[in-house]
Amino acid sequence: MSKVVIVGIDGSADSVTALRWAVNYAVTVHAVVRMVHAWTPLPKHGLPKARRRKLEVDRARSASDAERVLSEALRCVDVGSVVIEQRVVEGAPGVVLVDSSRNADQLVVGATGGERDAFLDRPPLGSTARYVTRHASCPVTVIRHSHTRIEPLPAKRYQLGAVRVPRPRQRHQNAHAQLGWGPL
């Protein structure tokens, strides 16, 4: 049985970066990449008949939009010889990804779906990423899209001086002498 890497795709920059990472990882471990896009439909219980018909149209549009999200993400990544599978699943994203990854070797998600924290200059960990890290039964990798190039920090050299540590008996004698208690 071949290895499977599941990637959550929502159309965000983080999810495209996660797909890139998953493809590179799949090359090294000879795995199949399965792209999963989950969408949550609106409930139709208790709605008038006209609203339910409109909801069915919205549901069909959502399914076609989901296919478009997957194909656009795939166009942004050079897949090379990696086998890519695409799945659109109806349901809550976190639950769908955890269920999809039950027999997978790796689950990869973007850190956020686009929401930003007003108090931080970087987005927080999104709700789907938090959910899958808590509930997935396989290893999870969370990828953050970086808009800036990260340079390695310059190497620093530290000069360590020799420190003389007295032996325990000598420390005890020194303490007695400092307290004026005389020799042991």
Protein backbone atom coordinates (compact mmCIF):
# COMPACT_ATOMS: atom_id res chain seq x y z
CA MET A 1 0.00 0.00 0.00
CA SER A 2 1.38 3.41 -0.94
CA LYS A 3 1.79 6.28 1.48
CA VAL A 4 -0.81 9.06 1.48
CA VAL A 5 -0.37 12.70 2.40
CA ILE A 6 -3.61 14.65 2.98
CA VAL A 7 -3.58 18.41 2.32
CA GLY A 8 -6.37 20.74 3.36
CA ILE A 9 -7.08 23.32 0.63
CA ASP A 10 -9.22 26.40 1.20
CA GLY A 11 -7.80 28.76 -1.42
CA SER A 12 -5.67 30.78 1.01
CA ALA A 13 -1.96 31.48 0.54
CA ASP A 14 -1.22 29.25 3.54
CA SER A 15 -3.04 26.30 1.95
CA VAL A 16 -1.17 26.71 -1.35
CA THR A 17 2.11 26.82 0.58
CA ALA A 18 0.98 23.69 2.46
CA LEU A 19 0.33 21.98 -0.88
CA ARG A 20 3.82 22.93 -2.08
CA TRP A 21 5.31 21.50 1.10
CA ALA A 22 3.25 18.31 0.79
CA VAL A 23 4.35 17.76 -2.82
CA ASN A 24 8.02 18.15 -1.83
CA TYR A 25 7.49 15.79 1.09
CA ALA A 26 5.69 13.28 -1.13
CA VAL A 27 8.67 13.21 -3.49
CA THR A 28 11.01 12.25 -0.63
CA VAL A 29 8.76 9.52 0.83
CA HIS A 30 7.21 8.35 -2.47
CA ALA A 31 3.65 9.20 -1.42
CA VAL A 32 0.38 10.14 -3.09
CA VAL A 33 -0.94 13.64 -2.31
CA ARG A 34 -4.67 13.89 -1.68
CA MET A 35 -6.03 17.45 -1.81
CA VAL A 36 -9.19 17.84 0.28
CA HIS A 37 -11.52 20.82 0.17
CA ALA A 38 -14.38 20.84 2.68
CA TRP A 39 -17.35 23.13 2.51
CA THR A 40 -20.19 23.58 4.95
CA PRO A 41 -23.68 23.99 3.49
CA LEU A 42 -26.36 26.01 5.20
CA PRO A 43 -29.02 23.97 6.96
CA LYS A 44 -32.35 23.82 5.19
CA HIS A 45 -34.51 22.75 8.11
CA GLY A 46 -37.41 25.08 8.84
CA LEU A 47 -36.93 27.21 5.72
CA PRO A 48 -39.76 28.18 3.36
CA LYS A 49 -40.00 26.22 0.09
CA ALA A 50 -38.73 29.12 -2.07
CA ARG A 51 -35.70 29.57 0.18
CA ARG A 52 -34.97 25.80 0.05
CA ARG A 53 -34.92 25.93 -3.79
CA LYS A 54 -32.47 28.85 -3.68
CA LEU A 55 -30.40 26.92 -1.17
CA GLU A 56 -30.15 23.98 -3.61
CA VAL A 57 -28.84 26.38 -6.28
CA ASP A 58 -26.35 27.78 -3.75
CA ARG A 59 -25.30 24.24 -2.85
CA ALA A 60 -24.57 23.37 -6.51
CA ARG A 61 -22.64 26.63 -6.90
CA SER A 62 -20.63 25.86 -3.75
CA ALA A 63 -19.67 22.44 -5.10
CA SER A 64 -18.48 23.94 -8.40
CA ASP A 65 -16.61 26.69 -6.50
CA ALA A 66 -14.90 23.97 -4.46
CA GLU A 67 -13.65 22.29 -7.64
CA ARG A 68 -12.35 25.67 -8.84
CA VAL A 69 -10.48 26.25 -5.53
CA LEU A 70 -8.70 22.90 -5.91
CA SER A 71 -7.76 23.47 -9.55
CA GLU A 72 -6.43 26.99 -8.83
CA ALA A 73 -4.30 25.72 -5.95
CA LEU A 74 -2.96 22.94 -8.16
CA ARG A 75 -2.00 25.44 -10.88
CA CYS A 76 0.22 27.29 -8.37
CA VAL A 77 2.36 24.22 -7.63
CA ASP A 78 4.80 22.22 -9.75
CA VAL A 79 3.77 18.65 -8.98
CA GLY A 80 6.36 16.91 -11.14
CA SER A 81 5.82 13.15 -11.00
CA VAL A 82 3.77 13.12 -7.79
CA VAL A 83 0.33 11.54 -8.06
CA ILE A 84 -2.35 14.06 -7.02
CA GLU A 85 -5.89 13.17 -6.03
CA GLN A 86 -8.62 15.77 -5.49
CA ARG A 87 -11.58 15.41 -3.16
CA VAL A 88 -14.45 17.78 -2.38
CA VAL A 89 -16.29 16.81 0.78
CA GLU A 90 -19.33 18.39 2.36
CA GLY A 91 -18.88 19.08 6.06
CA ALA A 92 -16.97 21.08 8.63
CA PRO A 93 -13.34 21.46 7.48
CA GLY A 94 -11.67 20.19 10.67
CA VAL A 95 -13.90 17.13 10.96
CA VAL A 96 -13.57 16.32 7.24
CA LEU A 97 -9.76 16.53 7.36
CA VAL A 98 -9.50 14.39 10.50
CA ASP A 99 -11.82 11.78 8.97
CA SER A 100 -9.90 11.86 5.67
CA SER A 101 -6.58 11.37 7.45
CA ARG A 102 -7.57 8.28 9.48
CA ASN A 103 -5.46 5.99 7.26
CA ALA A 104 -3.01 8.65 6.05
CA ASP A 105 0.67 8.94 6.83
CA GLN A 106 0.66 12.74 7.13
CA LEU A 107 -1.86 15.60 7.32
CA VAL A 108 -0.75 19.03 6.11
CA VAL A 109 -2.75 22.22 6.63
CA GLY A 110 -2.17 25.94 6.31
CA ALA A 111 -1.85 27.88 9.54
CA THR A 112 -4.79 30.16 8.76
CA GLY A 113 -7.63 30.54 6.34
CA GLY A 114 -7.19 34.26 5.98
CA GLU A 115 -8.36 35.71 9.30
CA ARG A 116 -6.00 38.13 11.03
CA ASP A 117 -5.62 39.08 14.65
CA ALA A 118 -5.89 42.84 15.19
CA PHE A 119 -3.39 42.75 18.06
CA LEU A 120 -0.70 40.68 16.36
CA ASP A 121 1.15 41.59 13.20
CA ARG A 122 0.85 37.99 12.06
CA PRO A 123 -2.24 35.84 11.78
CA PRO A 124 -2.97 33.42 14.60
CA LEU A 125 -3.38 29.70 14.19
CA GLY A 126 -6.73 29.19 12.47
CA SER A 127 -9.61 27.17 13.87
CA THR A 128 -9.15 24.28 11.41
CA ALA A 129 -5.41 24.03 12.15
CA ARG A 130 -6.14 24.03 15.89
CA TYR A 131 -8.82 21.35 15.48
CA VAL A 132 -6.71 18.95 13.39
CA THR A 133 -3.67 19.25 15.66
CA ARG A 134 -5.85 18.16 18.58
CA HIS A 135 -7.87 15.40 16.91
CA ALA A 136 -5.89 13.85 14.02
CA SER A 137 -4.57 10.33 14.48
CA CYS A 138 -1.60 10.84 12.15
CA PRO A 139 1.25 13.38 12.26
CA VAL A 140 0.12 16.92 11.41
CA THR A 141 2.23 19.62 9.76
CA VAL A 142 1.00 23.22 9.95
CA ILE A 143 2.47 25.53 7.31
CA ARG A 144 2.48 29.33 7.41
CA HIS A 145 2.86 31.29 4.18
CA SER A 146 5.73 33.75 4.44
CA HIS A 147 5.51 37.02 2.54
CA THR A 148 9.11 37.90 3.39
CA ARG A 149 12.29 36.01 2.76
CA ILE A 150 13.73 34.70 5.98
CA GLU A 151 17.47 35.11 6.24
CA PRO A 152 19.47 32.98 8.66
CA LEU A 153 20.76 34.83 11.70
CA PRO A 154 24.46 35.69 11.60
CA ALA A 155 26.61 33.28 13.56
CA LYS A 156 27.94 34.69 16.83
CA ARG A 157 31.09 33.53 18.51
CA TYR A 158 31.21 33.47 22.24
CA GLN A 159 34.44 33.43 24.23
CA LEU A 160 34.02 31.19 27.21
CA GLY A 161 36.38 31.85 30.05
CA ALA A 162 37.64 29.22 32.42
CA VAL A 163 35.71 29.15 35.65
CA ARG A 164 37.21 27.51 38.69
CA VAL A 165 34.66 25.52 40.67
CA PRO A 166 35.92 24.48 44.10
CA ARG A 167 35.50 20.91 45.24
CA PRO A 168 32.70 20.19 47.72
CA ARG A 169 35.06 19.74 50.70
CA GLN A 170 36.89 22.95 49.82
CA ARG A 171 33.56 24.84 49.52
CA HIS A 172 32.58 23.61 52.96
CA GLN A 173 35.91 24.72 54.44
CA ASN A 174 35.61 28.13 52.73
CA ALA A 175 32.12 28.62 54.18
CA HIS A 176 33.39 27.75 57.68
CA ALA A 177 36.24 30.21 57.31
CA GLN A 178 33.94 33.03 56.11
CA LEU A 179 31.60 32.47 59.06
CA GLY A 180 34.53 32.50 61.45
CA TRP A 181 33.88 29.02 62.76
CA GLY A 182 37.45 27.90 62.36
CA PRO A 183 38.92 24.91 60.52
CA LEU A 184 37.10 21.61 60.22
